[in-house]
């Protein structure tokens, strides 16, 4: 596995995937000036195990809430892609079907489709009450425990060199004020590593709790049942597992049980029995982006594509009326 990751062929393949849309950025262009030399040097450092991850630069984004993004060097991001190319297909086969974040063929649209399918199954086509337990993990990326993550990786990967390399990437970042905790938002490897971490919880849910109607997208997950008491009884069990096995805590302000008929906010949409509507915050952000990018047809078409998946007739009409460079 390690030889596959650090091979020149894989490093060049990772570069081709990484550089798309970034080649005019200054740091990427500078790396590309001596591309062969830089890739060969990275390969040699990995081969000799003299590789060291560099420090991060940080900046904030609003997405829609404020987030701290940590950006690594081009050399390190190239390596992240090289690792991801080899490890993603290996681990993706180990994940449960209903994990939807950062997976090929999955995503928010597929998760929302599954939500609709499950709600119909539980409610017997809306003839029974569908109860939903919604959970969120407090400061998810910031609380990933490095020691636990490394133990999980060692159970799945026999190649000690690959484990060493992952250790270099994982230990390159710590949550401010804490030791050996946290993964950086912005690393491609972080997307895979959090799925590996939370796969422990997914397996617990499916094989020990034996929950059929469970969907997870990153740190946002739901359980469905026609029995409210059953969902209430799940809370201490899932909380105990997360705290004891993964050192993660449920967000108390984002933990609740609701009926589908009252509306459930999940992945940008508010779901009801027979339809779903766009979340207010999502709608506001969409119109802000349309105002900033007025006249850009691809932006408008992208949002119109999104809106096809819900009850959005009035929103579509409002978009068309705006001066965005398209006809109704």
C-alpha atoms as a PDB file:
ATOM      1  CA  UNK A   1       0.000   0.000   0.000  1.00  0.00           C
ATOM      2  CA  UNK A   2       2.765   2.471   0.900  1.00  0.00           C
ATOM      3  CA  UNK A   3       4.632   1.829  -2.339  1.00  0.00           C
ATOM      4  CA  UNK A   4       1.413   2.489  -4.252  1.00  0.00           C
ATOM      5  CA  UNK A   5       0.859   5.798  -2.446  1.00  0.00           C
ATOM      6  CA  UNK A   6       4.374   7.166  -2.958  1.00  0.00           C
ATOM      7  CA  UNK A   7       4.907   5.883  -6.504  1.00  0.00           C
ATOM      8  CA  UNK A   8       5.737   8.519  -9.103  1.00  0.00           C
ATOM      9  CA  UNK A   9       2.773   7.319 -11.149  1.00  0.00           C
ATOM     10  CA  UNK A  10       0.371   7.934  -8.247  1.00  0.00           C
ATOM     11  CA  UNK A  11       1.957  11.285  -7.387  1.00  0.00           C
ATOM     12  CA  UNK A  12       1.599  12.497 -10.986  1.00  0.00           C
ATOM     13  CA  UNK A  13      -1.981  11.198 -11.089  1.00  0.00           C
ATOM     14  CA  UNK A  14      -2.697  13.027  -7.835  1.00  0.00           C
ATOM     15  CA  UNK A  15      -1.243  16.217  -9.322  1.00  0.00           C
ATOM     16  CA  UNK A  16      -3.574  16.041 -12.322  1.00  0.00           C
ATOM     17  CA  UNK A  17      -6.568  15.712  -9.994  1.00  0.00           C
ATOM     18  CA  UNK A  18      -5.355  18.387  -7.604  1.00  0.00           C
ATOM     19  CA  UNK A  19      -4.402  21.061 -10.146  1.00  0.00           C
ATOM     20  CA  UNK A  20      -7.785  21.267 -11.901  1.00  0.00           C
ATOM     21  CA  UNK A  21      -9.125  24.797 -11.489  1.00  0.00           C
ATOM     22  CA  UNK A  22      -6.108  25.868  -9.402  1.00  0.00           C
ATOM     23  CA  UNK A  23      -3.289  26.229 -11.928  1.00  0.00           C
ATOM     24  CA  UNK A  24      -3.448  30.035 -11.967  1.00  0.00           C
ATOM     25  CA  UNK A  25      -3.145  30.345  -8.184  1.00  0.00           C
ATOM     26  CA  UNK A  26       0.251  31.666  -7.226  1.00  0.00           C
ATOM     27  CA  UNK A  27       1.428  28.834  -4.935  1.00  0.00           C
ATOM     28  CA  UNK A  28       0.254  26.174  -7.395  1.00  0.00           C
ATOM     29  CA  UNK A  29       1.895  27.954 -10.357  1.00  0.00           C
ATOM     30  CA  UNK A  30       5.186  28.228  -8.445  1.00  0.00           C
ATOM     31  CA  UNK A  31       5.134  24.501  -7.642  1.00  0.00           C
ATOM     32  CA  UNK A  32       4.349  23.724 -11.290  1.00  0.00           C
ATOM     33  CA  UNK A  33       7.404  25.672 -12.539  1.00  0.00           C
ATOM     34  CA  UNK A  34       9.606  22.790 -11.369  1.00  0.00           C
ATOM     35  CA  UNK A  35       6.947  20.111 -11.294  1.00  0.00           C
ATOM     36  CA  UNK A  36       9.056  17.062 -12.086  1.00  0.00           C
ATOM     37  CA  UNK A  37      11.778  18.079  -9.652  1.00  0.00           C
ATOM     38  CA  UNK A  38       9.258  18.820  -6.879  1.00  0.00           C
ATOM     39  CA  UNK A  39       7.373  15.556  -7.351  1.00  0.00           C
ATOM     40  CA  UNK A  40      10.587  13.532  -7.498  1.00  0.00           C
ATOM     41  CA  UNK A  41      11.843  15.220  -4.313  1.00  0.00           C
ATOM     42  CA  UNK A  42       8.568  14.438  -2.547  1.00  0.00           C
ATOM     43  CA  UNK A  43       8.853  10.831  -3.722  1.00  0.00           C
ATOM     44  CA  UNK A  44      12.435  10.594  -2.390  1.00  0.00           C
ATOM     45  CA  UNK A  45      11.478  12.126   0.969  1.00  0.00           C
ATOM     46  CA  UNK A  46       8.639   9.622   1.314  1.00  0.00           C
ATOM     47  CA  UNK A  47      10.818   6.739   0.182  1.00  0.00           C
ATOM     48  CA  UNK A  48      13.519   7.654   2.737  1.00  0.00           C
ATOM     49  CA  UNK A  49      10.928   8.603   5.380  1.00  0.00           C
ATOM     50  CA  UNK A  50      12.401  12.066   5.757  1.00  0.00           C
ATOM     51  CA  UNK A  51       9.075  13.654   4.831  1.00  0.00           C
ATOM     52  CA  UNK A  52       7.668  16.180   7.297  1.00  0.00           C
ATOM     53  CA  UNK A  53       4.327  17.934   6.958  1.00  0.00           C
ATOM     54  CA  UNK A  54       4.583  21.722   6.877  1.00  0.00           C
ATOM     55  CA  UNK A  55       2.572  24.185   8.965  1.00  0.00           C
ATOM     56  CA  UNK A  56      -0.861  25.466   7.988  1.00  0.00           C
ATOM     57  CA  UNK A  57      -2.142  28.902   7.106  1.00  0.00           C
ATOM     58  CA  UNK A  58      -5.604  29.652   8.439  1.00  0.00           C
ATOM     59  CA  UNK A  59      -8.517  31.782   7.304  1.00  0.00           C
ATOM     60  CA  UNK A  60     -12.236  32.041   8.024  1.00  0.00           C
ATOM     61  CA  UNK A  61     -15.210  31.360   5.776  1.00  0.00           C
ATOM     62  CA  UNK A  62     -18.945  31.718   6.295  1.00  0.00           C
ATOM     63  CA  UNK A  63     -20.612  28.546   5.111  1.00  0.00           C
ATOM     64  CA  UNK A  64     -23.241  29.569   6.364  1.00  0.00           C
ATOM     65  CA  UNK A  65     -21.755  29.744   9.856  1.00  0.00           C
ATOM     66  CA  UNK A  66     -18.200  30.944  10.515  1.00  0.00           C
ATOM     67  CA  UNK A  67     -15.594  28.207  10.112  1.00  0.00           C
ATOM     68  CA  UNK A  68     -11.822  28.121  10.532  1.00  0.00           C
ATOM     69  CA  UNK A  69     -10.145  26.629   7.457  1.00  0.00           C
ATOM     70  CA  UNK A  70      -6.541  25.464   7.635  1.00  0.00           C
ATOM     71  CA  UNK A  71      -4.656  25.311   4.357  1.00  0.00           C
ATOM     72  CA  UNK A  72      -1.484  23.299   3.878  1.00  0.00           C
ATOM     73  CA  UNK A  73       1.259  23.791   1.284  1.00  0.00           C
ATOM     74  CA  UNK A  74       0.849  22.635  -2.319  1.00  0.00           C
ATOM     75  CA  UNK A  75       3.374  19.851  -1.686  1.00  0.00           C
ATOM     76  CA  UNK A  76       1.349  18.573   1.281  1.00  0.00           C
ATOM     77  CA  UNK A  77      -1.974  18.884  -0.521  1.00  0.00           C
ATOM     78  CA  UNK A  78      -0.523  16.895  -3.412  1.00  0.00           C
ATOM     79  CA  UNK A  79       0.396  14.154  -0.952  1.00  0.00           C
ATOM     80  CA  UNK A  80      -3.109  14.277   0.562  1.00  0.00           C
ATOM     81  CA  UNK A  81      -4.520  13.549  -2.904  1.00  0.00           C
ATOM     82  CA  UNK A  82      -2.029  10.719  -3.409  1.00  0.00           C
ATOM     83  CA  UNK A  83      -3.066   9.134  -0.098  1.00  0.00           C
ATOM     84  CA  UNK A  84      -6.742   9.602  -0.855  1.00  0.00           C
ATOM     85  CA  UNK A  85      -6.475   7.955  -4.297  1.00  0.00           C
ATOM     86  CA  UNK A  86      -5.225   4.719  -2.742  1.00  0.00           C
ATOM     87  CA  UNK A  87      -7.055   4.636   0.591  1.00  0.00           C
ATOM     88  CA  UNK A  88     -10.516   5.852  -0.438  1.00  0.00           C
ATOM     89  CA  UNK A  89     -11.488   2.740  -2.495  1.00  0.00           C
ATOM     90  CA  UNK A  90     -10.032   0.491   0.228  1.00  0.00           C
ATOM     91  CA  UNK A  91     -12.081   2.052   3.021  1.00  0.00           C
ATOM     92  CA  UNK A  92     -15.214   2.923   1.067  1.00  0.00           C
ATOM     93  CA  UNK A  93     -16.055  -0.790   0.841  1.00  0.00           C
ATOM     94  CA  UNK A  94     -16.018  -0.953   4.645  1.00  0.00           C
ATOM     95  CA  UNK A  95     -18.526   1.862   5.174  1.00  0.00           C
ATOM     96  CA  UNK A  96     -22.248   1.281   5.651  1.00  0.00           C
ATOM     97  CA  UNK A  97     -24.585   2.115   2.787  1.00  0.00           C
ATOM     98  CA  UNK A  98     -26.261   4.993   4.634  1.00  0.00           C
ATOM     99  CA  UNK A  99     -23.145   7.088   5.232  1.00  0.00           C
ATOM    100  CA  UNK A 100     -23.367   9.875   2.643  1.00  0.00           C
ATOM    101  CA  UNK A 101     -20.680  12.504   3.279  1.00  0.00           C
ATOM    102  CA  UNK A 102     -17.708  12.805   0.883  1.00  0.00           C
ATOM    103  CA  UNK A 103     -18.392   9.536  -0.960  1.00  0.00           C
ATOM    104  CA  UNK A 104     -18.640   8.920  -4.690  1.00  0.00           C
ATOM    105  CA  UNK A 105     -22.246   8.465  -5.786  1.00  0.00           C
ATOM    106  CA  UNK A 106     -23.559   9.761  -2.461  1.00  0.00           C
ATOM    107  CA  UNK A 107     -23.936  13.379  -1.244  1.00  0.00           C
ATOM    108  CA  UNK A 108     -26.766  15.476   0.182  1.00  0.00           C
ATOM    109  CA  UNK A 109     -29.216  14.774  -2.658  1.00  0.00           C
ATOM    110  CA  UNK A 110     -28.884  10.999  -2.226  1.00  0.00           C
ATOM    111  CA  UNK A 111     -29.161  11.355   1.558  1.00  0.00           C
ATOM    112  CA  UNK A 112     -32.364  13.357   1.187  1.00  0.00           C
ATOM    113  CA  UNK A 113     -33.775  10.756  -1.208  1.00  0.00           C
ATOM    114  CA  UNK A 114     -33.012   8.072   1.360  1.00  0.00           C
ATOM    115  CA  UNK A 115     -34.657  10.211   4.050  1.00  0.00           C
ATOM    116  CA  UNK A 116     -37.850  10.303   1.972  1.00  0.00           C
ATOM    117  CA  UNK A 117     -37.709   6.540   1.344  1.00  0.00           C
ATOM    118  CA  UNK A 118     -37.191   5.722   5.039  1.00  0.00           C
ATOM    119  CA  UNK A 119     -39.938   8.103   6.186  1.00  0.00           C
ATOM    120  CA  UNK A 120     -42.413   6.416   3.858  1.00  0.00           C
ATOM    121  CA  UNK A 121     -41.398   2.967   5.121  1.00  0.00           C
ATOM    122  CA  UNK A 122     -41.716   3.974   8.778  1.00  0.00           C
ATOM    123  CA  UNK A 123     -45.002   5.830   8.295  1.00  0.00           C
ATOM    124  CA  UNK A 124     -46.486   3.081   6.088  1.00  0.00           C
ATOM    125  CA  UNK A 125     -47.021   5.640   3.315  1.00  0.00           C
ATOM    126  CA  UNK A 126     -48.094   8.364   5.761  1.00  0.00           C
ATOM    127  CA  UNK A 127     -50.699   6.275   7.563  1.00  0.00           C
ATOM    128  CA  UNK A 128     -48.732   6.193  10.842  1.00  0.00           C
ATOM    129  CA  UNK A 129     -46.745   8.788  12.755  1.00  0.00           C
ATOM    130  CA  UNK A 130     -43.069   8.906  11.803  1.00  0.00           C
ATOM    131  CA  UNK A 131     -40.868  10.044  14.708  1.00  0.00           C
ATOM    132  CA  UNK A 132     -37.347  11.287  14.018  1.00  0.00           C
ATOM    133  CA  UNK A 133     -34.393  11.623  16.364  1.00  0.00           C
ATOM    134  CA  UNK A 134     -31.969  14.229  15.020  1.00  0.00           C
ATOM    135  CA  UNK A 135     -28.431  14.496  16.411  1.00  0.00           C
ATOM    136  CA  UNK A 136     -25.336  16.588  15.819  1.00  0.00           C
ATOM    137  CA  UNK A 137     -21.841  16.252  17.295  1.00  0.00           C
ATOM    138  CA  UNK A 138     -20.362  19.203  19.141  1.00  0.00           C
ATOM    139  CA  UNK A 139     -17.274  20.666  17.383  1.00  0.00           C
ATOM    140  CA  UNK A 140     -16.798  17.537  15.322  1.00  0.00           C
ATOM    141  CA  UNK A 141     -13.479  18.084  13.502  1.00  0.00           C
ATOM    142  CA  UNK A 142     -11.949  19.852  16.494  1.00  0.00           C
ATOM    143  CA  UNK A 143     -12.591  16.876  18.798  1.00  0.00           C
ATOM    144  CA  UNK A 144     -11.272  13.959  16.736  1.00  0.00           C
ATOM    145  CA  UNK A 145      -8.844  12.147  19.057  1.00  0.00           C
ATOM    146  CA  UNK A 146      -5.536  11.322  17.339  1.00  0.00           C
ATOM    147  CA  UNK A 147      -4.734   8.284  19.485  1.00  0.00           C
ATOM    148  CA  UNK A 148      -8.131   6.684  18.895  1.00  0.00           C
ATOM    149  CA  UNK A 149      -7.951   7.450  15.174  1.00  0.00           C
ATOM    150  CA  UNK A 150      -4.506   5.856  14.900  1.00  0.00           C
ATOM    151  CA  UNK A 151      -5.729   2.754  16.757  1.00  0.00           C
ATOM    152  CA  UNK A 152      -8.621   2.430  14.294  1.00  0.00           C
ATOM    153  CA  UNK A 153      -6.257   2.795  11.328  1.00  0.00           C
ATOM    154  CA  UNK A 154      -3.871   0.179  12.745  1.00  0.00           C
ATOM    155  CA  UNK A 155      -6.756  -2.297  12.966  1.00  0.00           C
ATOM    156  CA  UNK A 156      -7.546  -1.844   9.277  1.00  0.00           C
ATOM    157  CA  UNK A 157      -4.080  -1.358   7.758  1.00  0.00           C
ATOM    158  CA  UNK A 158      -1.340  -3.962   8.072  1.00  0.00           C
ATOM    159  CA  UNK A 159       1.283  -1.856   6.282  1.00  0.00           C
ATOM    160  CA  UNK A 160       3.268  -0.064   9.005  1.00  0.00           C
ATOM    161  CA  UNK A 161       4.747   2.423   6.538  1.00  0.00           C
ATOM    162  CA  UNK A 162       1.277   3.599   5.528  1.00  0.00           C
ATOM    163  CA  UNK A 163       0.293   3.923   9.187  1.00  0.00           C
ATOM    164  CA  UNK A 164       3.469   5.978   9.757  1.00  0.00           C
ATOM    165  CA  UNK A 165       2.582   8.293   6.874  1.00  0.00           C
ATOM    166  CA  UNK A 166      -0.981   8.779   8.119  1.00  0.00           C
ATOM    167  CA  UNK A 167       0.483   9.544  11.529  1.00  0.00           C
ATOM    168  CA  UNK A 168       2.580  12.319   9.975  1.00  0.00           C
ATOM    169  CA  UNK A 169      -0.526  13.881   8.408  1.00  0.00           C
ATOM    170  CA  UNK A 170      -2.719  13.478  11.502  1.00  0.00           C
ATOM    171  CA  UNK A 171      -0.125  14.830  13.953  1.00  0.00           C
ATOM    172  CA  UNK A 172       0.529  17.866  11.719  1.00  0.00           C
ATOM    173  CA  UNK A 173      -2.507  19.598  13.238  1.00  0.00           C
ATOM    174  CA  UNK A 174      -3.873  20.160  16.734  1.00  0.00           C
ATOM    175  CA  UNK A 175      -6.950  22.033  17.868  1.00  0.00           C
ATOM    176  CA  UNK A 176      -5.834  25.302  19.430  1.00  0.00           C
ATOM    177  CA  UNK A 177      -5.038  24.861  23.112  1.00  0.00           C
ATOM    178  CA  UNK A 178      -5.277  21.066  23.005  1.00  0.00           C
ATOM    179  CA  UNK A 179      -2.772  18.254  22.412  1.00  0.00           C
ATOM    180  CA  UNK A 180      -3.289  15.387  19.963  1.00  0.00           C
ATOM    181  CA  UNK A 181      -6.849  16.354  19.136  1.00  0.00           C
ATOM    182  CA  UNK A 182      -8.461  17.725  15.985  1.00  0.00           C
ATOM    183  CA  UNK A 183      -8.338  17.483  12.201  1.00  0.00           C
ATOM    184  CA  UNK A 184      -8.119  20.500   9.886  1.00  0.00           C
ATOM    185  CA  UNK A 185     -11.125  21.551   7.852  1.00  0.00           C
ATOM    186  CA  UNK A 186      -9.785  21.844   4.320  1.00  0.00           C
ATOM    187  CA  UNK A 187      -7.602  18.728   4.076  1.00  0.00           C
ATOM    188  CA  UNK A 188      -8.827  16.133   1.600  1.00  0.00           C
ATOM    189  CA  UNK A 189      -7.489  13.459   3.938  1.00  0.00           C
ATOM    190  CA  UNK A 190      -9.632  14.857   6.776  1.00  0.00           C
ATOM    191  CA  UNK A 191     -12.786  14.020   4.815  1.00  0.00           C
ATOM    192  CA  UNK A 192     -11.742  10.380   4.602  1.00  0.00           C
ATOM    193  CA  UNK A 193     -10.371  10.169   8.138  1.00  0.00           C
ATOM    194  CA  UNK A 194     -13.564  11.448   9.789  1.00  0.00           C
ATOM    195  CA  UNK A 195     -15.561   8.860   7.841  1.00  0.00           C
ATOM    196  CA  UNK A 196     -13.176   6.148   9.074  1.00  0.00           C
ATOM    197  CA  UNK A 197     -13.554   7.507  12.612  1.00  0.00           C
ATOM    198  CA  UNK A 198     -17.359   7.672  12.482  1.00  0.00           C
ATOM    199  CA  UNK A 199     -17.580   4.261  10.807  1.00  0.00           C
ATOM    200  CA  UNK A 200     -17.010   2.897  14.308  1.00  0.00           C
ATOM    201  CA  UNK A 201     -20.272   4.537  15.357  1.00  0.00           C
ATOM    202  CA  UNK A 202     -22.062   3.456  12.161  1.00  0.00           C
ATOM    203  CA  UNK A 203     -21.141  -0.179  12.787  1.00  0.00           C
ATOM    204  CA  UNK A 204     -22.339   0.098  16.395  1.00  0.00           C
ATOM    205  CA  UNK A 205     -25.677   1.513  15.220  1.00  0.00           C
ATOM    206  CA  UNK A 206     -26.217  -1.170  12.581  1.00  0.00           C
ATOM    207  CA  UNK A 207     -24.834  -4.267  14.313  1.00  0.00           C
ATOM    208  CA  UNK A 208     -25.390  -3.663  18.032  1.00  0.00           C
ATOM    209  CA  UNK A 209     -28.348  -1.308  18.164  1.00  0.00           C
ATOM    210  CA  UNK A 210     -29.638  -2.932  14.945  1.00  0.00           C
ATOM    211  CA  UNK A 211     -31.256   0.277  13.719  1.00  0.00           C
ATOM    212  CA  UNK A 212     -32.664  -0.015  10.200  1.00  0.00           C
ATOM    213  CA  UNK A 213     -33.654   3.600   9.634  1.00  0.00           C
ATOM    214  CA  UNK A 214     -30.456   5.548  10.233  1.00  0.00           C
ATOM    215  CA  UNK A 215     -28.752   8.100   7.950  1.00  0.00           C
ATOM    216  CA  UNK A 216     -25.484   9.955   8.603  1.00  0.00           C
ATOM    217  CA  UNK A 217     -23.906  12.848   6.755  1.00  0.00           C
ATOM    218  CA  UNK A 218     -20.619  13.814   8.497  1.00  0.00           C
ATOM    219  CA  UNK A 219     -21.636  14.728  12.069  1.00  0.00           C
ATOM    220  CA  UNK A 220     -25.326  15.169  11.240  1.00  0.00           C
ATOM    221  CA  UNK A 221     -27.460  12.030  11.642  1.00  0.00           C
ATOM    222  CA  UNK A 222     -31.055  10.875  12.093  1.00  0.00           C
ATOM    223  CA  UNK A 223     -32.919   7.823  13.346  1.00  0.00           C
ATOM    224  CA  UNK A 224     -36.535   7.097  12.389  1.00  0.00           C
ATOM    225  CA  UNK A 225     -39.174   5.022  14.167  1.00  0.00           C
ATOM    226  CA  UNK A 226     -42.929   4.772  14.654  1.00  0.00           C
ATOM    227  CA  UNK A 227     -42.219   4.601  18.409  1.00  0.00           C
ATOM    228  CA  UNK A 228     -41.174   7.823  20.176  1.00  0.00           C
ATOM    229  CA  UNK A 229     -40.134   5.958  23.342  1.00  0.00           C
ATOM    230  CA  UNK A 230     -37.735   3.789  21.363  1.00  0.00           C
ATOM    231  CA  UNK A 231     -35.921   6.884  20.079  1.00  0.00           C
ATOM    232  CA  UNK A 232     -35.759   8.372  23.575  1.00  0.00           C
ATOM    233  CA  UNK A 233     -34.150   5.147  24.802  1.00  0.00           C
ATOM    234  CA  UNK A 234     -31.515   5.373  22.060  1.00  0.00           C
ATOM    235  CA  UNK A 235     -30.138   8.715  23.250  1.00  0.00           C
ATOM    236  CA  UNK A 236     -28.195   7.484  26.320  1.00  0.00           C
ATOM    237  CA  UNK A 237     -26.852   4.504  24.358  1.00  0.00           C
ATOM    238  CA  UNK A 238     -25.503   6.533  21.438  1.00  0.00           C
ATOM    239  CA  UNK A 239     -24.217   9.231  23.782  1.00  0.00           C
ATOM    240  CA  UNK A 240     -22.344   6.660  25.880  1.00  0.00           C
ATOM    241  CA  UNK A 241     -20.712   5.060  22.825  1.00  0.00           C
ATOM    242  CA  UNK A 242     -19.627   8.379  21.355  1.00  0.00           C
ATOM    243  CA  UNK A 243     -18.156   9.598  24.644  1.00  0.00           C
ATOM    244  CA  UNK A 244     -16.470   6.372  25.747  1.00  0.00           C
ATOM    245  CA  UNK A 245     -15.239   5.022  22.394  1.00  0.00           C
ATOM    246  CA  UNK A 246     -14.664   8.177  20.333  1.00  0.00           C
ATOM    247  CA  UNK A 247     -14.461  10.988  22.925  1.00  0.00           C
ATOM    248  CA  UNK A 248     -17.196  12.900  21.097  1.00  0.00           C
ATOM    249  CA  UNK A 249     -20.245  14.608  22.574  1.00  0.00           C
ATOM    250  CA  UNK A 250     -23.729  15.229  21.227  1.00  0.00           C
ATOM    251  CA  UNK A 251     -24.612  18.904  20.782  1.00  0.00           C
ATOM    252  CA  UNK A 252     -27.349  19.533  23.402  1.00  0.00           C
ATOM    253  CA  UNK A 253     -28.915  22.359  21.386  1.00  0.00           C
ATOM    254  CA  UNK A 254     -29.187  20.236  18.235  1.00  0.00           C
ATOM    255  CA  UNK A 255     -30.631  17.088  19.775  1.00  0.00           C
ATOM    256  CA  UNK A 256     -34.395  16.605  19.492  1.00  0.00           C
ATOM    257  CA  UNK A 257     -37.218  14.253  18.573  1.00  0.00           C
ATOM    258  CA  UNK A 258     -39.924  15.498  16.210  1.00  0.00           C
ATOM    259  CA  UNK A 259     -42.672  14.124  14.023  1.00  0.00           C
ATOM    260  CA  UNK A 260     -42.231  14.306  10.291  1.00  0.00           C
ATOM    261  CA  UNK A 261     -45.591  16.088   9.995  1.00  0.00           C
ATOM    262  CA  UNK A 262     -44.224  19.000  12.065  1.00  0.00           C
ATOM    263  CA  UNK A 263     -41.244  19.419   9.709  1.00  0.00           C
ATOM    264  CA  UNK A 264     -37.677  18.193  10.147  1.00  0.00           C
ATOM    265  CA  UNK A 265     -34.647  20.263   9.101  1.00  0.00           C
ATOM    266  CA  UNK A 266     -32.040  17.994   7.484  1.00  0.00           C
ATOM    267  CA  UNK A 267     -29.241  18.826   5.036  1.00  0.00           C
ATOM    268  CA  UNK A 268     -30.571  22.140   3.774  1.00  0.00           C
ATOM    269  CA  UNK A 269     -34.231  21.129   3.475  1.00  0.00           C
ATOM    270  CA  UNK A 270     -37.203  21.052   5.849  1.00  0.00           C
ATOM    271  CA  UNK A 271     -38.926  17.711   5.275  1.00  0.00           C
ATOM    272  CA  UNK A 272     -42.651  17.081   5.654  1.00  0.00           C
ATOM    273  CA  UNK A 273     -44.794  14.019   4.921  1.00  0.00           C
ATOM    274  CA  UNK A 274     -45.440  14.762   1.252  1.00  0.00           C
ATOM    275  CA  UNK A 275     -42.984  17.496   0.352  1.00  0.00           C
ATOM    276  CA  UNK A 276     -39.884  19.392   1.404  1.00  0.00           C
ATOM    277  CA  UNK A 277     -39.034  23.092   1.330  1.00  0.00           C
ATOM    278  CA  UNK A 278     -35.709  24.876   1.278  1.00  0.00           C
ATOM    279  CA  UNK A 279     -34.333  25.863   4.678  1.00  0.00           C
ATOM    280  CA  UNK A 280     -34.611  29.629   5.272  1.00  0.00           C
ATOM    281  CA  UNK A 281     -30.859  30.050   5.845  1.00  0.00           C
ATOM    282  CA  UNK A 282     -30.098  28.103   2.649  1.00  0.00           C
ATOM    283  CA  UNK A 283     -32.527  30.254   0.693  1.00  0.00           C
ATOM    284  CA  UNK A 284     -30.982  33.504   1.973  1.00  0.00           C
ATOM    285  CA  UNK A 285     -27.473  32.316   1.160  1.00  0.00           C
ATOM    286  CA  UNK A 286     -28.576  31.301  -2.320  1.00  0.00           C
ATOM    287  CA  UNK A 287     -29.982  34.760  -3.101  1.00  0.00           C
ATOM    288  CA  UNK A 288     -26.857  36.444  -1.691  1.00  0.00           C
ATOM    289  CA  UNK A 289     -24.704  34.344  -4.024  1.00  0.00           C
ATOM    290  CA  UNK A 290     -26.962  35.086  -6.982  1.00  0.00           C
ATOM    291  CA  UNK A 291     -26.653  38.813  -6.297  1.00  0.00           C
ATOM    292  CA  UNK A 292     -22.843  38.568  -6.107  1.00  0.00           C
ATOM    293  CA  UNK A 293     -22.649  36.528  -9.309  1.00  0.00           C
ATOM    294  CA  UNK A 294     -25.383  38.272 -11.307  1.00  0.00           C
ATOM    295  CA  UNK A 295     -25.183  37.395 -14.979  1.00  0.00           C
ATOM    296  CA  UNK A 296     -23.337  34.105 -14.457  1.00  0.00           C
ATOM    297  CA  UNK A 297     -25.589  31.601 -16.140  1.00  0.00           C
ATOM    298  CA  UNK A 298     -23.863  28.537 -14.655  1.00  0.00           C
ATOM    299  CA  UNK A 299     -24.587  29.734 -11.097  1.00  0.00           C
ATOM    300  CA  UNK A 300     -28.268  30.215 -11.860  1.00  0.00           C
ATOM    301  CA  UNK A 301     -28.553  26.860 -13.618  1.00  0.00           C
ATOM    302  CA  UNK A 302     -26.859  25.169 -10.674  1.00  0.00           C
ATOM    303  CA  UNK A 303     -29.405  26.578  -8.225  1.00  0.00           C
ATOM    304  CA  UNK A 304     -32.332  25.804 -10.527  1.00  0.00           C
ATOM    305  CA  UNK A 305     -31.056  22.233 -10.638  1.00  0.00           C
ATOM    306  CA  UNK A 306     -31.017  22.109  -6.841  1.00  0.00           C
ATOM    307  CA  UNK A 307     -34.533  23.516  -6.628  1.00  0.00           C
ATOM    308  CA  UNK A 308     -35.949  20.716  -8.774  1.00  0.00           C
ATOM    309  CA  UNK A 309     -35.744  18.444  -5.755  1.00  0.00           C
ATOM    310  CA  UNK A 310     -38.333  20.238  -3.600  1.00  0.00           C
ATOM    311  CA  UNK A 311     -41.432  22.415  -3.479  1.00  0.00           C
ATOM    312  CA  UNK A 312     -39.832  25.602  -4.771  1.00  0.00           C
ATOM    313  CA  UNK A 313     -42.105  27.146  -7.420  1.00  0.00           C
ATOM    314  CA  UNK A 314     -42.140  30.631  -5.829  1.00  0.00           C
ATOM    315  CA  UNK A 315     -38.374  30.638  -5.332  1.00  0.00           C
ATOM    316  CA  UNK A 316     -37.809  29.700  -8.985  1.00  0.00           C
ATOM    317  CA  UNK A 317     -40.079  32.543 -10.083  1.00  0.00           C
ATOM    318  CA  UNK A 318     -38.141  34.983  -7.911  1.00  0.00           C
ATOM    319  CA  UNK A 319     -34.827  33.841  -9.404  1.00  0.00           C
ATOM    320  CA  UNK A 320     -36.110  34.233 -12.944  1.00  0.00           C
ATOM    321  CA  UNK A 321     -37.341  37.776 -12.178  1.00  0.00           C
ATOM    322  CA  UNK A 322     -33.907  38.805 -10.937  1.00  0.00           C
ATOM    323  CA  UNK A 323     -31.438  40.277 -13.392  1.00  0.00           C
ATOM    324  CA  UNK A 324     -29.328  37.121 -13.648  1.00  0.00           C
ATOM    325  CA  UNK A 325     -28.859  36.840 -17.382  1.00  0.00           C
ATOM    326  CA  UNK A 326     -31.282  34.012 -18.221  1.00  0.00           C
ATOM    327  CA  UNK A 327     -34.798  33.796 -19.596  1.00  0.00           C
ATOM    328  CA  UNK A 328     -37.700  32.068 -17.878  1.00  0.00           C
END
